[in-house]
N, C-alpha and C. Protein backbone atom coordinates (compact mmCIF):
# COMPACT_ATOMS: atom_id res chain seq x y z
N MET A 1 0.88 -1.06 0.07
CA MET A 1 -0.17 -0.06 0.04
C MET A 1 0.96 1.10 0.13
N LYS A 2 0.42 2.34 -0.81
CA LYS A 2 1.13 3.48 -1.02
C LYS A 2 0.61 4.38 0.23
N THR A 3 1.61 4.94 0.79
CA THR A 3 1.62 5.84 1.66
C THR A 3 2.59 7.46 1.55
N TYR A 4 1.75 8.37 2.01
CA TYR A 4 2.27 9.82 1.49
C TYR A 4 2.67 10.35 2.95
N ASP A 5 3.67 11.53 2.55
CA ASP A 5 4.01 12.25 3.19
C ASP A 5 3.11 13.09 3.73
N VAL A 6 2.71 13.46 5.15
CA VAL A 6 2.11 14.85 5.42
C VAL A 6 2.80 15.94 5.64
N MET A 7 2.57 17.27 5.15
CA MET A 7 3.02 18.39 5.37
C MET A 7 1.97 19.59 5.65
N TRP A 8 2.63 20.11 6.91
CA TRP A 8 1.75 21.18 7.16
C TRP A 8 2.23 22.74 6.38
N ARG A 9 1.03 23.36 6.12
CA ARG A 9 1.73 24.45 5.24
C ARG A 9 1.21 25.67 6.50
N PRO A 10 2.01 26.74 6.08
CA PRO A 10 1.88 27.86 7.37
C PRO A 10 0.89 28.34 8.02
N GLN A 11 -0.03 28.41 7.03
CA GLN A 11 -1.55 28.96 7.68
C GLN A 11 -1.99 28.18 8.63
N ALA A 12 -2.03 26.89 8.12
CA ALA A 12 -2.67 25.20 8.88
C ALA A 12 -2.12 25.58 10.04
N ARG A 13 -0.92 25.42 10.12
CA ARG A 13 0.13 25.49 11.50
C ARG A 13 -0.48 26.83 12.40
N GLY A 14 -0.62 28.10 11.87
CA GLY A 14 -1.25 29.63 12.44
C GLY A 14 -2.76 28.98 12.93
N ASP A 15 -3.37 28.25 11.87
CA ASP A 15 -5.05 28.01 12.41
C ASP A 15 -4.89 27.08 13.92
N LEU A 16 -4.08 26.00 13.72
CA LEU A 16 -3.87 25.04 14.96
C LEU A 16 -3.63 25.82 16.01
N LEU A 17 -2.42 26.66 16.08
CA LEU A 17 -2.13 27.63 17.04
C LEU A 17 -3.40 28.46 17.50
N SER A 18 -3.84 29.22 16.80
CA SER A 18 -4.92 29.84 17.10
C SER A 18 -6.26 29.10 17.88
N LEU A 19 -6.35 27.64 17.28
CA LEU A 19 -7.38 26.88 17.62
C LEU A 19 -6.77 26.64 19.23
N TYR A 20 -5.38 26.12 19.54
CA TYR A 20 -5.33 25.93 20.68
C TYR A 20 -5.09 26.91 21.80
N GLU A 21 -4.76 28.25 21.18
CA GLU A 21 -5.11 29.63 22.30
C GLU A 21 -6.53 29.59 22.62
N TRP A 22 -7.35 29.62 21.66
CA TRP A 22 -8.74 29.71 22.43
C TRP A 22 -8.85 28.58 23.13
N ILE A 23 -8.77 27.50 22.93
CA ILE A 23 -9.54 26.32 23.68
C ILE A 23 -8.58 26.47 25.38
N ALA A 24 -7.35 26.85 25.26
CA ALA A 24 -6.56 27.34 26.22
C ALA A 24 -7.34 27.95 27.31
N GLU A 25 -7.95 29.16 26.63
CA GLU A 25 -8.20 30.27 27.03
C GLU A 25 -9.82 29.66 27.74
N GLN A 26 -10.77 29.03 26.86
CA GLN A 26 -12.15 28.66 27.40
C GLN A 26 -11.83 27.68 28.45
N ALA A 27 -10.89 26.80 28.48
CA ALA A 27 -11.09 25.89 29.28
C ALA A 27 -9.19 25.68 29.82
N ASP A 28 -8.26 25.03 29.68
CA ASP A 28 -7.18 24.90 29.92
C ASP A 28 -6.06 24.56 29.22
N PRO A 29 -4.96 24.71 29.15
CA PRO A 29 -3.83 24.32 28.33
C PRO A 29 -3.89 23.00 28.32
N ASP A 30 -3.99 22.10 29.04
CA ASP A 30 -3.70 20.66 28.81
C ASP A 30 -4.69 20.35 27.95
N THR A 31 -6.09 20.94 28.16
CA THR A 31 -7.54 20.48 27.33
C THR A 31 -6.88 20.95 26.07
N ALA A 32 -6.63 22.03 25.65
CA ALA A 32 -5.99 22.71 24.34
C ALA A 32 -5.09 21.64 23.63
N TYR A 33 -3.97 21.59 24.46
CA TYR A 33 -2.75 20.65 24.04
C TYR A 33 -3.21 18.81 23.50
N GLU A 34 -4.56 18.25 24.24
CA GLU A 34 -5.02 17.20 23.76
C GLU A 34 -5.87 17.34 22.38
N TYR A 35 -6.38 18.16 22.59
CA TYR A 35 -7.18 18.57 21.31
C TYR A 35 -6.64 18.69 19.86
N VAL A 36 -5.17 19.59 20.07
CA VAL A 36 -4.91 19.87 18.78
C VAL A 36 -3.87 18.30 18.59
N SER A 37 -3.60 18.02 19.47
CA SER A 37 -2.99 16.95 19.36
C SER A 37 -3.56 15.49 18.29
N LYS A 38 -4.95 15.70 18.83
CA LYS A 38 -5.48 14.67 18.20
C LYS A 38 -6.12 15.21 17.04
N ILE A 39 -5.95 16.44 16.36
CA ILE A 39 -6.23 16.69 15.29
C ILE A 39 -5.30 16.34 14.29
N GLU A 40 -3.80 16.69 14.49
CA GLU A 40 -2.62 16.34 14.22
C GLU A 40 -2.52 14.78 14.00
N ALA A 41 -2.87 13.93 14.86
CA ALA A 41 -2.95 12.80 14.36
C ALA A 41 -4.05 12.11 13.56
N HIS A 42 -5.32 13.10 13.54
CA HIS A 42 -6.24 12.66 12.58
C HIS A 42 -5.62 13.36 10.99
N ALA A 43 -4.99 14.50 11.22
CA ALA A 43 -4.07 14.60 10.07
C ALA A 43 -2.94 13.52 9.28
N ALA A 44 -2.12 13.04 10.25
CA ALA A 44 -1.45 12.11 9.82
C ALA A 44 -1.97 10.81 9.69
N ALA A 45 -3.24 10.43 10.11
CA ALA A 45 -3.80 9.11 9.44
C ALA A 45 -4.11 9.16 7.68
N LEU A 46 -4.14 10.39 7.31
CA LEU A 46 -4.30 10.60 5.92
C LEU A 46 -3.27 10.20 5.14
N SER A 47 -1.95 9.85 5.65
CA SER A 47 -0.87 9.67 4.74
C SER A 47 -1.25 7.90 3.97
N SER A 48 -2.31 7.07 4.95
CA SER A 48 -2.35 5.83 4.13
C SER A 48 -3.32 5.80 3.45
N TYR A 49 -4.48 6.95 3.41
CA TYR A 49 -6.10 7.00 2.63
C TYR A 49 -6.34 7.91 2.16
N PRO A 50 -5.44 9.39 1.66
CA PRO A 50 -5.70 10.77 1.43
C PRO A 50 -6.82 10.65 0.67
N GLU A 51 -7.39 10.19 -0.08
CA GLU A 51 -8.54 10.03 -0.79
C GLU A 51 -10.17 10.42 -0.17
N ARG A 52 -10.00 9.61 1.12
CA ARG A 52 -10.84 9.19 2.06
C ARG A 52 -12.25 10.75 2.23
N GLY A 53 -11.44 11.87 2.20
CA GLY A 53 -12.06 13.28 2.59
C GLY A 53 -12.99 13.57 1.09
N THR A 54 -14.02 14.59 1.61
CA THR A 54 -14.83 15.10 0.74
C THR A 54 -13.69 16.04 -0.30
N ALA A 55 -14.10 15.68 -1.81
CA ALA A 55 -13.69 17.07 -2.84
C ALA A 55 -14.58 18.21 -2.55
N ARG A 56 -13.82 19.35 -2.32
CA ARG A 56 -14.29 20.62 -2.21
C ARG A 56 -13.72 21.41 -3.48
N GLU A 57 -14.03 21.19 -4.71
CA GLU A 57 -13.51 22.05 -5.46
C GLU A 57 -13.96 23.51 -6.17
N ASP A 58 -15.04 23.66 -5.05
CA ASP A 58 -15.33 25.01 -4.52
C ASP A 58 -15.05 25.72 -4.07
N LEU A 59 -14.00 25.09 -3.58
CA LEU A 59 -13.06 26.42 -2.36
C LEU A 59 -11.88 26.37 -3.24
N ALA A 60 -11.43 25.45 -4.00
CA ALA A 60 -10.28 25.84 -5.00
C ALA A 60 -10.02 24.22 -5.47
N PRO A 61 -9.08 24.56 -6.87
CA PRO A 61 -8.37 23.16 -7.33
C PRO A 61 -7.96 22.01 -6.25
N GLY A 62 -8.69 20.93 -5.98
CA GLY A 62 -7.67 19.97 -5.69
C GLY A 62 -8.07 19.74 -4.20
N VAL A 63 -8.91 20.60 -3.95
CA VAL A 63 -9.22 20.27 -2.13
C VAL A 63 -9.78 19.48 -1.58
N ARG A 64 -9.44 18.59 -0.49
CA ARG A 64 -10.47 17.88 0.19
C ARG A 64 -10.62 18.45 1.64
N THR A 65 -11.54 18.28 2.29
CA THR A 65 -11.83 18.12 3.43
C THR A 65 -11.96 16.64 4.24
N ILE A 66 -12.03 17.09 5.71
CA ILE A 66 -12.10 15.80 6.35
C ILE A 66 -12.75 16.23 8.09
N PRO A 67 -13.56 15.97 8.13
CA PRO A 67 -14.04 16.85 9.69
C PRO A 67 -13.42 15.74 10.96
N TYR A 68 -13.33 16.49 12.07
CA TYR A 68 -12.69 15.84 12.59
C TYR A 68 -13.70 16.15 14.31
N ARG A 69 -14.33 15.08 14.98
CA ARG A 69 -15.04 15.50 15.72
C ARG A 69 -16.51 16.31 15.59
N ARG A 70 -16.78 16.53 14.35
CA ARG A 70 -18.07 17.54 13.83
C ARG A 70 -17.67 19.00 14.09
N ARG A 71 -16.44 19.41 14.76
CA ARG A 71 -16.64 20.55 14.87
C ARG A 71 -15.41 21.40 14.31
N THR A 72 -14.85 20.16 14.00
CA THR A 72 -13.10 21.20 13.11
C THR A 72 -13.06 19.93 11.77
N VAL A 73 -12.81 21.05 10.87
CA VAL A 73 -12.62 20.42 9.60
C VAL A 73 -10.80 21.10 9.23
N ILE A 74 -10.71 19.85 8.65
CA ILE A 74 -9.25 19.59 8.05
C ILE A 74 -9.25 20.12 6.45
N ALA A 75 -8.88 20.98 6.24
CA ALA A 75 -8.76 21.01 4.78
C ALA A 75 -7.11 20.46 3.64
N TYR A 76 -7.23 19.91 2.88
CA TYR A 76 -6.10 19.33 2.05
C TYR A 76 -5.86 19.26 0.84
N ARG A 77 -4.73 18.92 0.36
CA ARG A 77 -4.76 18.83 -0.99
C ARG A 77 -3.47 17.63 -0.89
N VAL A 78 -4.05 16.66 -2.17
CA VAL A 78 -2.72 15.42 -2.45
C VAL A 78 -2.15 15.97 -3.60
N LEU A 79 -1.01 15.92 -3.49
CA LEU A 79 -0.04 15.95 -4.87
C LEU A 79 1.34 14.82 -4.42
N ASP A 80 1.03 14.21 -5.54
CA ASP A 80 2.05 13.19 -5.68
C ASP A 80 1.86 12.05 -4.48
N ASP A 81 3.00 12.40 -4.05
CA ASP A 81 3.33 11.37 -2.70
C ASP A 81 3.34 11.97 -1.47
N LEU A 82 2.41 13.47 -1.57
CA LEU A 82 2.34 14.54 -0.30
C LEU A 82 0.83 14.73 0.24
N VAL A 83 0.59 14.49 1.17
CA VAL A 83 -0.84 15.54 1.61
C VAL A 83 -0.52 16.53 2.04
N GLU A 84 -1.16 17.90 2.17
CA GLU A 84 -0.42 18.80 2.08
C GLU A 84 -1.52 19.56 2.80
N ILE A 85 -1.29 19.71 4.30
CA ILE A 85 -2.71 20.16 5.11
C ILE A 85 -2.56 21.99 4.95
N LEU A 86 -3.82 22.40 4.51
CA LEU A 86 -3.73 23.29 3.93
C LEU A 86 -4.35 24.85 4.99
N ALA A 87 -5.64 24.24 5.77
CA ALA A 87 -6.12 24.92 6.65
C ALA A 87 -6.70 23.82 7.88
N ILE A 88 -7.02 24.79 9.33
CA ILE A 88 -7.98 24.23 9.72
C ILE A 88 -8.95 24.88 10.16
N ALA A 89 -10.32 24.38 10.28
CA ALA A 89 -11.87 25.67 10.22
C ALA A 89 -12.26 24.82 11.40
N HIS A 90 -12.85 25.55 12.59
CA HIS A 90 -13.47 25.36 13.61
C HIS A 90 -14.36 25.82 14.09
N ALA A 91 -15.57 25.02 14.58
CA ALA A 91 -17.03 26.11 14.97
C ALA A 91 -17.52 26.91 14.26
N GLY A 92 -17.28 26.12 12.46
CA GLY A 92 -18.01 26.59 11.76
C GLY A 92 -17.48 27.74 10.65
N ARG A 93 -16.42 28.02 11.09
CA ARG A 93 -15.79 28.99 10.35
C ARG A 93 -15.46 28.58 8.73
N ASP A 94 -15.67 29.69 8.08
CA ASP A 94 -16.08 29.74 6.43
C ASP A 94 -14.27 29.43 6.11
N LEU A 95 -14.14 28.41 5.40
CA LEU A 95 -12.70 28.09 4.78
C LEU A 95 -12.47 28.62 3.55
N GLY A 96 -13.85 29.21 2.86
CA GLY A 96 -13.49 29.84 1.97
C GLY A 96 -12.64 31.11 1.56
N GLY A 97 -12.19 31.86 3.13
CA GLY A 97 -11.31 32.78 2.95
C GLY A 97 -9.88 32.12 3.04
N ALA A 98 -9.49 31.07 3.30
CA ALA A 98 -8.35 30.41 3.47
C ALA A 98 -7.72 30.01 1.99
N PHE A 99 -8.46 30.16 0.82
CA PHE A 99 -7.85 30.05 -0.15
C PHE A 99 -8.12 31.31 -1.52
N ASN A 100 -8.11 32.54 -0.65
CA ASN A 100 -7.94 33.57 -1.52
C ASN A 100 -6.76 33.93 -1.72
């Protein structure tokens, strides 16, 4: 079975950091760390089956999304042997602005 490398774009890392900071403020740092760590693990699992997400050509060419716990969406693109994590949206944030 083919496996893909998973790479995070700077914007996606920034989204993850912002989410961490928000959860840490609303709850506590341990809860925030656990949540974002699980998002990272969920994204890393795309290395074995990246096509499982939903195609979102309405956002940008080649973009796919996959939910995490119903409140967070991971936007990514599959390129040759690479899964590129593009953005993280939480609690209904509009992903459309991430691709302008």
